[in-house]
Protein backbone atom coordinates (compact mmCIF):
# COMPACT_ATOMS: atom_id res chain seq x y z
CA UNK A 1 10.59 -10.28 -34.42
CA UNK A 2 10.43 -13.37 -36.63
CA UNK A 3 12.63 -11.93 -39.35
CA UNK A 4 15.59 -11.67 -37.11
CA UNK A 5 14.50 -15.06 -35.62
CA UNK A 6 15.30 -16.32 -38.97
CA UNK A 7 18.38 -14.54 -39.89
CA UNK A 8 19.57 -16.44 -36.61
CA UNK A 9 18.39 -19.90 -37.69
CA UNK A 10 20.08 -19.39 -40.96
CA UNK A 11 22.99 -18.61 -39.56
CA UNK A 12 22.88 -21.66 -36.80
CA UNK A 13 22.09 -23.70 -39.98
CA UNK A 14 25.07 -22.59 -41.73
CA UNK A 15 27.20 -23.08 -38.78
CA UNK A 16 25.77 -26.41 -38.36
CA UNK A 17 27.44 -27.66 -41.71
CA UNK A 18 30.80 -27.27 -40.34
CA UNK A 19 30.16 -29.61 -37.34
CA UNK A 20 30.87 -32.79 -40.12
CA UNK A 21 34.18 -31.37 -39.80
CA UNK A 22 34.92 -29.50 -36.41
CA UNK A 23 32.22 -30.69 -33.71
CA UNK A 24 33.45 -28.33 -31.50
CA UNK A 25 30.99 -25.75 -29.60
CA UNK A 26 32.27 -22.32 -29.87
CA UNK A 27 33.40 -21.13 -26.36
CA UNK A 28 34.13 -17.71 -26.89
CA UNK A 29 30.26 -16.49 -27.92
CA UNK A 30 27.10 -17.07 -26.20
CA UNK A 31 24.53 -19.72 -27.17
CA UNK A 32 22.14 -21.97 -25.44
CA UNK A 33 24.68 -24.60 -25.68
CA UNK A 34 27.36 -22.69 -23.84
CA UNK A 35 25.51 -20.26 -21.56
CA UNK A 36 22.69 -22.05 -19.63
CA UNK A 37 25.19 -23.91 -17.44
CA UNK A 38 24.40 -22.41 -13.69
CA UNK A 39 21.98 -20.88 -11.79
CA UNK A 40 23.51 -17.45 -12.29
CA UNK A 41 23.10 -17.88 -15.99
CA UNK A 42 19.17 -18.53 -15.65
CA UNK A 43 18.83 -15.95 -13.16
CA UNK A 44 19.99 -13.48 -16.09
CA UNK A 45 17.61 -15.15 -18.52
CA UNK A 46 14.88 -14.19 -16.16
CA UNK A 47 15.99 -10.94 -15.93
CA UNK A 48 15.77 -10.67 -19.71
CA UNK A 49 12.49 -11.88 -19.77
CA UNK A 50 10.96 -9.33 -17.55
CA UNK A 51 12.68 -6.66 -20.21
CA UNK A 52 9.93 -6.34 -22.76
CA UNK A 53 7.47 -5.16 -20.18
CA UNK A 54 8.87 -1.56 -19.66
CA UNK A 55 8.89 -1.30 -23.46
CA UNK A 56 5.11 -2.50 -23.55
CA UNK A 57 4.33 -0.41 -20.56
CA UNK A 58 6.14 2.70 -21.88
CA UNK A 59 4.89 2.86 -25.52
CA UNK A 60 2.16 0.44 -26.26
CA UNK A 61 -0.24 -0.86 -23.76
CA UNK A 62 -2.00 2.49 -22.65
CA UNK A 63 -2.76 3.08 -26.15
CA UNK A 64 -4.49 -0.19 -27.12
CA UNK A 65 -6.03 -0.71 -23.57
CA UNK A 66 -6.95 2.76 -22.46
CA UNK A 67 -6.74 5.64 -25.49
CA UNK A 68 -8.68 2.88 -27.41
CA UNK A 69 -11.45 3.42 -25.25
CA UNK A 70 -13.88 6.04 -23.65
CA UNK A 71 -11.56 6.86 -20.74
CA UNK A 72 -9.01 9.00 -22.78
CA UNK A 73 -8.61 10.62 -26.11
CA UNK A 74 -5.74 13.00 -27.39
CA UNK A 75 -5.02 16.67 -27.33
CA UNK A 76 -5.18 17.66 -30.75
CA UNK A 77 -2.10 19.93 -32.02
CA UNK A 78 -2.78 21.15 -35.74
CA UNK A 79 0.41 22.86 -36.05
CA UNK A 80 2.14 19.85 -35.39
CA UNK A 81 0.10 17.44 -37.37
CA UNK A 82 -1.46 13.97 -37.10
CA UNK A 83 0.12 10.87 -35.52
CA UNK A 84 -2.06 8.35 -37.10
CA UNK A 85 -0.65 5.27 -35.27
CA UNK A 86 -1.84 6.76 -32.08
CA UNK A 87 -4.68 8.43 -33.36
CA UNK A 88 -6.61 5.61 -35.38
CA UNK A 89 -6.53 3.70 -32.21
CA UNK A 90 -8.15 6.57 -30.61
CA UNK A 91 -10.57 7.13 -33.00
CA UNK A 92 -11.56 2.94 -33.58
CA UNK A 93 -10.22 3.88 -37.34
CA UNK A 94 -7.27 1.33 -37.31
CA UNK A 95 -6.28 1.22 -41.11
CA UNK A 96 -7.28 -2.90 -41.73
CA UNK A 97 -7.71 -5.06 -44.65
CA UNK A 98 -7.87 -9.23 -44.64
CA UNK A 99 -7.63 -8.88 -40.75
CA UNK A 100 -4.35 -7.33 -41.02
CA UNK A 101 -3.19 -4.04 -40.02
CA UNK A 102 -0.34 -1.69 -40.37
CA UNK A 103 -0.51 0.57 -36.91
CA UNK A 104 2.58 -0.05 -35.94
CA UNK A 105 1.43 -0.13 -31.77
CA UNK A 106 -0.24 -3.11 -32.76
CA UNK A 107 2.53 -4.58 -34.43
CA UNK A 108 5.01 -3.59 -31.45
CA UNK A 109 2.78 -4.97 -29.12
CA UNK A 110 2.51 -8.50 -30.53
CA UNK A 111 6.37 -8.56 -30.71
CA UNK A 112 7.28 -7.66 -27.72
CA UNK A 113 5.07 -10.32 -26.33
CA UNK A 114 6.48 -13.17 -28.45
CA UNK A 115 9.89 -11.63 -27.05
CA UNK A 116 8.83 -12.63 -23.68
CA UNK A 117 7.58 -15.81 -25.02
CA UNK A 118 10.59 -16.98 -26.95
CA UNK A 119 12.84 -16.11 -23.61
CA UNK A 120 10.51 -18.24 -21.39
CA UNK A 121 10.73 -21.14 -23.94
CA UNK A 122 14.49 -21.04 -23.72
CA UNK A 123 14.39 -21.19 -19.85
CA UNK A 124 11.69 -23.58 -19.70
CA UNK A 125 13.25 -25.99 -21.95
CA UNK A 126 16.64 -26.06 -20.29
CA UNK A 127 16.27 -25.54 -16.64
CA UNK A 128 15.14 -28.91 -15.22
CA UNK A 129 18.05 -30.23 -16.88
CA UNK A 130 20.89 -28.41 -14.92
CA UNK A 131 21.05 -28.97 -10.95
CA UNK A 132 21.10 -25.93 -8.75
CA UNK A 133 19.39 -25.16 -5.04
CA UNK A 134 15.77 -26.61 -5.93
CA UNK A 135 13.97 -23.41 -4.26
CA UNK A 136 15.87 -21.20 -6.75
CA UNK A 137 14.96 -23.26 -9.39
CA UNK A 138 11.06 -23.58 -8.58
CA UNK A 139 11.52 -19.71 -8.10
CA UNK A 140 13.11 -19.10 -11.51
CA UNK A 141 10.87 -21.29 -13.41
CA UNK A 142 7.97 -20.06 -11.76
CA UNK A 143 8.81 -16.60 -12.73
CA UNK A 144 9.34 -17.83 -16.61
CA UNK A 145 5.83 -19.54 -16.58
CA UNK A 146 3.99 -16.62 -14.64
CA UNK A 147 5.94 -14.25 -17.75
CA UNK A 148 4.80 -16.68 -20.71
CA UNK A 149 1.11 -16.94 -19.10
CA UNK A 150 1.14 -12.90 -18.91
CA UNK A 151 2.27 -12.30 -22.51
CA UNK A 152 -0.10 -15.25 -23.79
CA UNK A 153 -2.81 -13.50 -21.97
CA UNK A 154 -2.30 -10.30 -23.68
CA UNK A 155 -2.15 -11.75 -26.91
CA UNK A 156 -5.23 -13.54 -26.86
CA UNK A 157 -6.90 -10.70 -25.49
CA UNK A 158 -5.86 -8.59 -28.14
CA UNK A 159 -5.77 -10.56 -31.34
CA UNK A 160 -8.15 -13.59 -30.46
CA UNK A 161 -6.29 -16.49 -32.55
CA UNK A 162 -2.32 -16.50 -32.15
CA UNK A 163 0.75 -19.22 -33.03
CA UNK A 164 1.07 -20.96 -29.80
CA UNK A 165 4.94 -21.17 -29.78
CA UNK A 166 5.82 -23.35 -26.52
CA UNK A 167 9.25 -24.62 -27.34
CA UNK A 168 12.56 -22.60 -28.64
CA UNK A 169 12.43 -22.27 -32.49
CA UNK A 170 15.69 -24.34 -33.93
CA UNK A 171 14.70 -24.13 -37.61
CA UNK A 172 13.41 -22.06 -39.98
CA UNK A 173 10.47 -24.31 -40.41
CA UNK A 174 9.32 -23.76 -37.12
CA UNK A 175 9.54 -20.25 -37.05
CA UNK A 176 5.65 -19.76 -38.72
CA UNK A 177 2.98 -21.69 -36.95
CA UNK A 178 -0.72 -21.83 -37.89
CA UNK A 179 -3.14 -19.90 -35.64
CA UNK A 180 -4.40 -21.68 -32.80
CA UNK A 181 -7.63 -20.94 -31.35
CA UNK A 182 -8.50 -18.91 -27.89
CA UNK A 183 -9.71 -21.66 -26.40
CA UNK A 184 -5.96 -23.54 -26.81
CA UNK A 185 -4.22 -20.70 -25.94
CA UNK A 186 -6.32 -19.94 -22.54
CA UNK A 187 -5.78 -23.68 -21.54
CA UNK A 188 -2.07 -23.32 -21.84
CA UNK A 189 -2.43 -19.82 -20.02
CA UNK A 190 -4.20 -21.80 -17.42
CA UNK A 191 -1.43 -24.44 -17.26
CA UNK A 192 1.46 -21.99 -16.94
CA UNK A 193 -0.38 -19.61 -14.40
CA UNK A 194 -1.29 -22.68 -12.17
CA UNK A 195 2.17 -24.07 -12.08
CA UNK A 196 3.48 -20.80 -11.14
CA UNK A 197 1.34 -20.21 -8.55
CA UNK A 198 2.54 -23.11 -6.99
CA UNK A 199 6.54 -22.69 -7.39
CA UNK A 200 6.24 -19.20 -6.58
CA UNK A 201 7.07 -17.76 -2.90
CA UNK A 202 4.60 -15.18 -1.31
CA UNK A 203 5.15 -11.64 -1.45
CA UNK A 204 6.79 -11.40 1.97
CA UNK A 205 9.77 -13.89 0.71
CA UNK A 206 9.98 -12.74 -2.66
CA UNK A 207 12.70 -10.19 -4.53
CA UNK A 208 10.68 -6.83 -4.63
CA UNK A 209 9.34 -6.49 -8.43
CA UNK A 210 9.33 -9.95 -9.52
CA UNK A 211 6.12 -12.42 -9.83
CA UNK A 212 4.72 -13.84 -6.40
CA UNK A 213 2.63 -16.78 -5.94
CA UNK A 214 -0.05 -14.16 -5.36
CA UNK A 215 0.42 -12.58 -8.47
CA UNK A 216 0.29 -15.88 -10.48
CA UNK A 217 -3.24 -16.41 -8.51
CA UNK A 218 -4.61 -13.21 -9.51
CA UNK A 219 -3.72 -13.44 -13.46
CA UNK A 220 -5.08 -17.01 -13.39
CA UNK A 221 -8.38 -15.39 -11.48
CA UNK A 222 -8.37 -12.61 -14.17
CA UNK A 223 -8.08 -15.18 -16.76
CA UNK A 224 -11.10 -16.86 -15.18
CA UNK A 225 -13.24 -13.97 -14.93
CA UNK A 226 -12.77 -13.45 -18.81
CA UNK A 227 -14.07 -16.97 -19.21
CA UNK A 228 -16.75 -16.52 -16.72
CA UNK A 229 -15.74 -19.25 -14.40
CA UNK A 230 -17.00 -17.90 -11.47
CA UNK A 231 -16.46 -20.14 -8.54
CA UNK A 232 -12.58 -20.96 -9.91
CA UNK A 233 -11.90 -17.18 -9.64
CA UNK A 234 -13.65 -16.75 -6.53
CA UNK A 235 -11.57 -19.54 -4.98
CA UNK A 236 -8.16 -18.40 -6.25
CA UNK A 237 -9.24 -14.64 -5.05
CA UNK A 238 -10.10 -15.72 -1.77
CA UNK A 239 -6.58 -17.31 -1.28
CA UNK A 240 -4.70 -14.22 -2.25
CA UNK A 241 -7.27 -11.90 0.53
CA UNK A 242 -6.57 -14.58 3.05
CA UNK A 243 -2.84 -14.95 2.56
CA UNK A 244 -2.52 -11.39 4.28
CA UNK A 245 0.15 -10.55 2.05
CA UNK A 246 -1.89 -7.44 0.62
CA UNK A 247 -3.82 -4.14 1.96
CA UNK A 248 -4.96 -1.39 0.25
CA UNK A 249 -2.99 1.60 1.15
CA UNK A 250 -5.04 4.33 3.10
CA UNK A 251 -4.34 7.10 0.71
CA UNK A 252 -5.64 5.88 -2.73
CA UNK A 253 -2.77 8.07 -4.30
CA UNK A 254 0.04 6.28 -2.14
CA UNK A 255 -1.04 3.00 -4.12
CA UNK A 256 1.18 4.45 -6.93
CA UNK A 257 5.06 4.50 -6.88
CA UNK A 258 6.79 7.50 -6.81
CA UNK A 259 9.77 7.75 -9.19
CA UNK A 260 12.40 6.57 -6.69
CA UNK A 261 10.31 5.77 -3.71
CA UNK A 262 7.22 3.81 -2.76
CA UNK A 263 7.86 0.98 -5.00
CA UNK A 264 6.27 -2.62 -4.85
CA UNK A 265 4.03 -1.54 -2.12
CA UNK A 266 1.64 -3.51 0.46
CA UNK A 267 -1.21 -2.93 -2.18
CA UNK A 268 0.80 -3.88 -5.28
CA UNK A 269 0.24 -7.46 -6.66
CA UNK A 270 2.17 -7.15 -9.75
CA UNK A 271 4.02 -3.49 -11.24
CA UNK A 272 6.33 -3.21 -14.17
CA UNK A 273 9.70 -1.90 -12.73
CA UNK A 274 11.45 1.18 -13.99
CA UNK A 275 14.24 3.42 -12.57
CA UNK A 276 15.26 6.72 -12.82
CA UNK A 277 18.48 7.20 -14.37
CA UNK A 278 21.25 6.73 -17.14
CA UNK A 279 21.42 2.83 -16.89
CA UNK A 280 18.52 2.28 -19.55
CA UNK A 281 15.63 1.50 -16.91
CA UNK A 282 13.69 4.57 -16.95
CA UNK A 283 10.52 5.39 -18.29
CA UNK A 284 9.00 8.39 -20.22
CA UNK A 285 5.01 7.48 -20.44
CA UNK A 286 4.06 10.56 -18.10
CA UNK A 287 5.41 12.62 -20.94
CA UNK A 288 3.12 11.07 -23.58
CA UNK A 289 0.26 11.66 -21.35
CA UNK A 290 0.60 15.54 -20.82
CA UNK A 291 -1.42 17.62 -23.09
CA UNK A 292 0.66 19.93 -25.76
CA UNK A 293 1.45 22.55 -26.78
CA UNK A 294 3.29 22.90 -23.42
CA UNK A 295 5.98 25.51 -22.22
CA UNK A 296 8.87 24.81 -20.24
CA UNK A 297 7.33 26.31 -17.03
CA UNK A 298 4.19 24.46 -17.53
CA UNK A 299 6.03 21.43 -17.82
CA UNK A 300 8.08 21.99 -14.99
CA UNK A 301 4.94 22.63 -12.81
CA UNK A 302 4.20 19.24 -13.36
CA UNK A 303 7.54 17.27 -13.20
CA UNK A 304 9.43 19.50 -11.17
CA UNK A 305 12.61 19.01 -13.24
CA UNK A 306 15.06 21.53 -13.39
CA UNK A 307 16.05 21.49 -16.80
CA UNK A 308 12.50 21.64 -18.23
CA UNK A 309 12.01 21.67 -22.01
CA UNK A 310 8.69 22.62 -23.89
CA UNK A 311 6.67 19.97 -25.58
CA UNK A 312 5.22 19.82 -29.01
CA UNK A 313 3.89 17.28 -31.03
CA UNK A 314 0.50 15.81 -29.32
CA UNK A 315 -0.49 14.87 -26.00
CA UNK A 316 -2.44 11.48 -25.70
CA UNK A 317 -4.16 9.57 -22.84
CA UNK A 318 -5.69 12.55 -22.24
CA UNK A 319 -9.08 12.12 -19.39
CA UNK A 320 -12.54 12.58 -21.22
CA UNK A 321 -15.10 14.52 -19.87
CA UNK A 322 -16.88 11.16 -19.66
CA UNK A 323 -14.17 9.54 -17.16
CA UNK A 324 -13.94 12.70 -15.24
CA UNK A 325 -18.11 12.79 -14.86
CA UNK A 326 -17.91 9.09 -13.71
CA UNK A 327 -16.66 10.14 -10.26
CA UNK A 328 -19.27 10.15 -7.48
CA UNK A 329 -19.56 13.44 -5.29
CA UNK A 330 -16.49 13.45 -2.73
CA UNK A 331 -14.79 10.66 -4.43
CA UNK A 332 -11.22 11.08 -3.42
CA UNK A 333 -9.82 9.17 -6.23
CA UNK A 334 -10.82 12.04 -8.56
CA UNK A 335 -8.41 14.39 -7.26
CA UNK A 336 -5.43 12.02 -6.85
CA UNK A 337 -5.98 10.34 -10.22
CA UNK A 338 -7.02 13.76 -12.42
CA UNK A 339 -5.68 17.38 -12.55
CA UNK A 340 -5.62 20.69 -14.55
CA UNK A 341 -3.35 22.82 -16.13
CA UNK A 342 -3.87 25.71 -18.35
CA UNK A 343 -1.79 26.16 -21.71
CA UNK A 344 -0.99 29.27 -22.83
CA UNK A 345 -0.12 28.64 -26.09
CA UNK A 346 -3.04 26.39 -27.09
CA UNK A 347 -5.00 27.22 -30.31
CA UNK A 348 -8.00 26.44 -28.35
CA UNK A 349 -10.33 28.97 -26.44
CA UNK A 350 -10.80 26.89 -23.72
CA UNK A 351 -6.67 26.21 -22.81
CA UNK A 352 -7.93 24.29 -19.73
CA UNK A 353 -6.77 20.54 -20.10
CA UNK A 354 -7.09 17.79 -17.66
CA UNK A 355 -4.01 15.38 -17.49
CA UNK A 356 -3.50 11.97 -15.64
CA UNK A 357 -2.22 13.23 -12.26
CA UNK A 358 -1.74 9.48 -10.37
CA UNK A 359 1.60 9.23 -12.53
CA UNK A 360 2.50 12.39 -12.46
CA UNK A 361 5.68 12.38 -9.75
CA UNK A 362 8.47 14.40 -9.41
CA UNK A 363 12.01 13.73 -10.84
CA UNK A 364 14.93 15.13 -11.94
CA UNK A 365 15.60 14.47 -15.67
CA UNK A 366 13.46 15.49 -18.41
CA UNK A 367 11.71 12.57 -19.81
CA UNK A 368 13.59 10.01 -17.52
CA UNK A 369 11.20 8.82 -14.87
CA UNK A 370 11.12 6.04 -12.31
CA UNK A 371 7.54 5.62 -11.59
CA UNK A 372 6.26 1.74 -11.76
CA UNK A 373 3.34 0.85 -13.99
CA UNK A 374 0.51 -0.91 -11.76
CA UNK A 375 -0.54 -4.37 -13.37
CA UNK A 376 -2.32 -5.81 -10.55
CA UNK A 377 -3.58 -4.09 -7.39
CA UNK A 378 -5.18 -5.41 -4.33
CA UNK A 379 -8.10 -3.10 -4.90
CA UNK A 380 -8.61 -5.16 -8.41
CA UNK A 381 -8.39 -8.43 -6.22
CA UNK A 382 -11.10 -7.19 -4.09
CA UNK A 383 -13.46 -5.95 -6.74
CA UNK A 384 -12.54 -9.19 -8.93
CA UNK A 385 -13.91 -10.77 -5.94
CA UNK A 386 -17.04 -8.61 -5.23
CA UNK A 387 -17.67 -9.55 -9.09
CA UNK A 388 -17.16 -13.25 -8.73
CA UNK A 389 -19.53 -13.48 -6.06
CA UNK A 390 -22.35 -11.56 -7.17
CA UNK A 391 -22.12 -13.44 -10.81
CA UNK A 392 -22.74 -16.25 -8.26
CA UNK A 393 -25.86 -14.70 -6.94
CA UNK A 394 -24.31 -13.37 -4.02
CA UNK A 395 -25.04 -9.57 -4.18
CA UNK A 396 -24.98 -9.26 -0.26
CA UNK A 397 -21.47 -11.01 0.03
CA UNK A 398 -20.36 -9.15 -3.17
CA UNK A 399 -20.87 -5.93 -1.05
CA UNK A 400 -18.58 -6.68 1.77
CA UNK A 401 -15.67 -6.47 -0.86
CA UNK A 402 -17.12 -3.59 -3.31
CA UNK A 403 -17.19 -1.42 0.22
CA UNK A 404 -13.56 -2.17 1.06
CA UNK A 405 -12.71 -0.17 -2.16
CA UNK A 406 -15.49 2.18 -1.64
CA UNK A 407 -14.59 3.41 2.18
CA UNK A 408 -10.85 3.77 1.06
CA UNK A 409 -12.35 6.33 -1.43
CA UNK A 410 -14.40 8.33 1.13
CA UNK A 411 -17.55 6.87 -0.38
CA UNK A 412 -20.56 5.33 1.63
CA UNK A 413 -21.76 1.49 1.39
CA UNK A 414 -23.08 0.63 -2.42
CA UNK A 415 -26.59 0.73 -2.15
CA UNK A 416 -27.12 -1.45 -5.15
CA UNK A 417 -28.90 -4.97 -3.84
CA UNK A 418 -29.94 -7.26 -6.46
CA UNK A 419 -27.54 -9.00 -9.08
CA UNK A 420 -28.42 -6.67 -11.87
CA UNK A 421 -27.82 -3.61 -9.67
CA UNK A 422 -24.64 -5.03 -7.44
CA UNK A 423 -23.09 -5.58 -11.49
CA UNK A 424 -23.61 -2.21 -12.51
CA UNK A 425 -22.20 -1.04 -9.31
CA UNK A 426 -19.25 -3.28 -9.57
CA UNK A 427 -18.55 -1.96 -13.19
CA UNK A 428 -18.65 1.45 -12.50
CA UNK A 429 -16.39 1.06 -9.52
CA UNK A 430 -13.64 -0.71 -11.68
CA UNK A 431 -14.38 1.93 -13.95
CA UNK A 432 -12.96 4.84 -11.59
CA UNK A 433 -10.49 2.83 -9.35
CA UNK A 434 -8.74 1.10 -12.04
CA UNK A 435 -8.68 4.52 -14.60
CA UNK A 436 -5.81 4.72 -16.57
CA UNK A 437 -4.28 1.29 -15.79
CA UNK A 438 -5.02 -0.34 -19.22
CA UNK A 439 -7.91 -1.69 -17.95
CA UNK A 440 -11.17 -0.24 -19.45
CA UNK A 441 -10.78 -1.73 -23.08
CA UNK A 442 -10.47 -5.45 -21.80
CA UNK A 443 -13.64 -4.42 -19.40
CA UNK A 444 -15.71 -3.73 -22.20
CA UNK A 445 -14.63 -6.66 -24.24
CA UNK A 446 -15.26 -8.98 -21.71
CA UNK A 447 -18.59 -7.37 -20.69
CA UNK A 448 -20.17 -7.40 -23.77
CA UNK A 449 -20.42 -3.42 -23.99
CA UNK A 450 -18.22 -2.36 -26.68
CA UNK A 451 -21.08 -1.34 -29.22
CA UNK A 452 -23.21 0.09 -26.79
CA UNK A 453 -20.44 1.86 -25.22
CA UNK A 454 -18.18 3.25 -27.82
CA UNK A 455 -20.64 3.79 -30.25
CA UNK A 456 -22.55 6.32 -28.20
CA UNK A 457 -19.09 7.97 -26.94
CA UNK A 458 -18.25 8.02 -30.76
CA UNK A 459 -21.22 10.10 -31.41
CA UNK A 460 -20.53 12.49 -28.68
CA UNK A 461 -17.00 13.24 -29.88
CA UNK A 462 -18.15 13.77 -33.31
CA UNK A 463 -21.12 15.99 -32.32
CA UNK A 464 -19.08 17.65 -29.96
CA UNK A 465 -15.15 17.83 -30.72
CA UNK A 466 -14.49 21.18 -29.05
CA UNK A 467 -15.48 19.05 -25.72
CA UNK A 468 -13.08 16.50 -26.48
CA UNK A 469 -9.70 18.84 -26.92
CA UNK A 470 -9.83 20.02 -30.51
CA UNK A 471 -9.53 23.84 -31.66
CA UNK A 472 -11.85 25.41 -33.17
CA UNK A 473 -12.56 24.01 -36.86
CA UNK A 474 -10.96 21.15 -36.42
CA UNK A 475 -12.77 17.48 -36.08
CA UNK A 476 -12.25 14.09 -36.12
CA UNK A 477 -11.54 11.76 -39.31
CA UNK A 478 -14.61 10.56 -41.29
CA UNK A 479 -14.05 7.24 -40.61
CA UNK A 480 -13.88 7.82 -36.47
CA UNK A 481 -15.44 5.14 -34.59
CA UNK A 482 -16.63 2.70 -37.47
CA UNK A 483 -14.69 0.25 -36.39
CA UNK A 484 -15.77 -1.58 -33.23
CA UNK A 485 -14.17 -5.09 -33.30
CA UNK A 486 -13.34 -6.77 -30.22
CA UNK A 487 -9.99 -8.00 -31.29
CA UNK A 488 -7.43 -6.15 -33.09
CA UNK A 489 -6.31 -7.17 -36.47
CA UNK A 490 -2.77 -8.70 -37.00
CA UNK A 491 0.27 -7.07 -37.74
CA UNK A 492 0.76 -6.70 -41.51
CA UNK A 493 4.57 -6.97 -41.07
CA UNK A 494 4.35 -10.09 -39.07
CA UNK A 495 1.81 -11.68 -42.15
CA UNK A 496 4.90 -10.99 -44.56
CA UNK A 497 6.65 -13.73 -42.97
CA UNK A 498 4.33 -16.40 -42.46
CA UNK A 499 1.70 -18.42 -44.90
CA UNK A 500 -0.68 -18.46 -41.73
CA UNK A 501 -2.41 -15.08 -41.32
């Protein structure tokens, strides 16, 4: 992104020299000088700021937030060969030197978040200088602030220290900034999310799929949970609950959108929008999540497409035996989240593989789905509130919200009583309620459990690779589970463009 930005900046500098002779803004091409003039212009710009979220959810966030945990692994297909950039995330063996990495998922996640930031910075720099309807302006500005806060929240949790860009880059010197401390990044996120929460309308009056006041408050509460500011988180979460804008869907499986229906339902606080069809808004993450190799008929049994094709390469985000064992007996979420398929051409003696069912929605075309990606659901609001209350030494109050989630899952009320037992109960509940929603890695980091959990998980994988979907004779790489850092190294391609990495 920075390389492209520098090219654009240089082109702009070349053009600026012409202004000495002809100080006229070109009217036949779009630029910040000609485009940001009307309400419609800002609406289009905000639309563009949402767009990178699809690439993030479809291709990268699940690699960094779920596959990089003990919840999912990959289905090794030795006939295809390695998919190193994905596998070394699952194996905790990311190539790293001097704090940087060549891993492409790390690089692309970084670039996409900064693409959101660059687009929202442009909006926020200009929107107050254009006169149009105040309510619409507040809504659009609030959405831009939410998106910038969300992008920086991803970056600070992934990388810790990152450059803090808050204004459009106008020259080459501004394109590279020093790394700001995590504290500085969090301060800005809190500022942006707080303002967004005051500007955005509630879900009931917002355009479906757009950021809302409830989404901004949930994001801000999530920040406070990471920072262990429990009373601040509680205040915001109670506001979301007391707004009565959200409810748990009676059936857990219905909390997740279909390919063309059930989108932005009453449980959805914020979800990334996909649209099945040929207009460029579709997703295909379901296909990445299916085990391999899979025949066309086997694929059709899951996807329902009329033109199925066989799937080779490797499957990713395959539920581990660990997450499967984490569900209590009678938990309705297990069958809603995980299903099984027999792969007739697998080289494994046991040809039965689990796969993520909650996103396996029927659709019309191979590799083209409209299933939305859940970022925040109301059940997480309840679990956040339970956790905040418990950390304030109110385990009985916490149980009220924890039990709402458990009741929907068909489980009895928790028996946890004291703060320590309640903490464990909430952690376990988060794992199964939010399984495969890119929460597990962040939860392990913020609760200080990476070393404990991943070390033990890695030993199980290395000792019993057959249990983790390896064919007989195949084993994890020799450096598997050797890098248990709580932040990712910065991308090597970006380091070539800045002196500060």
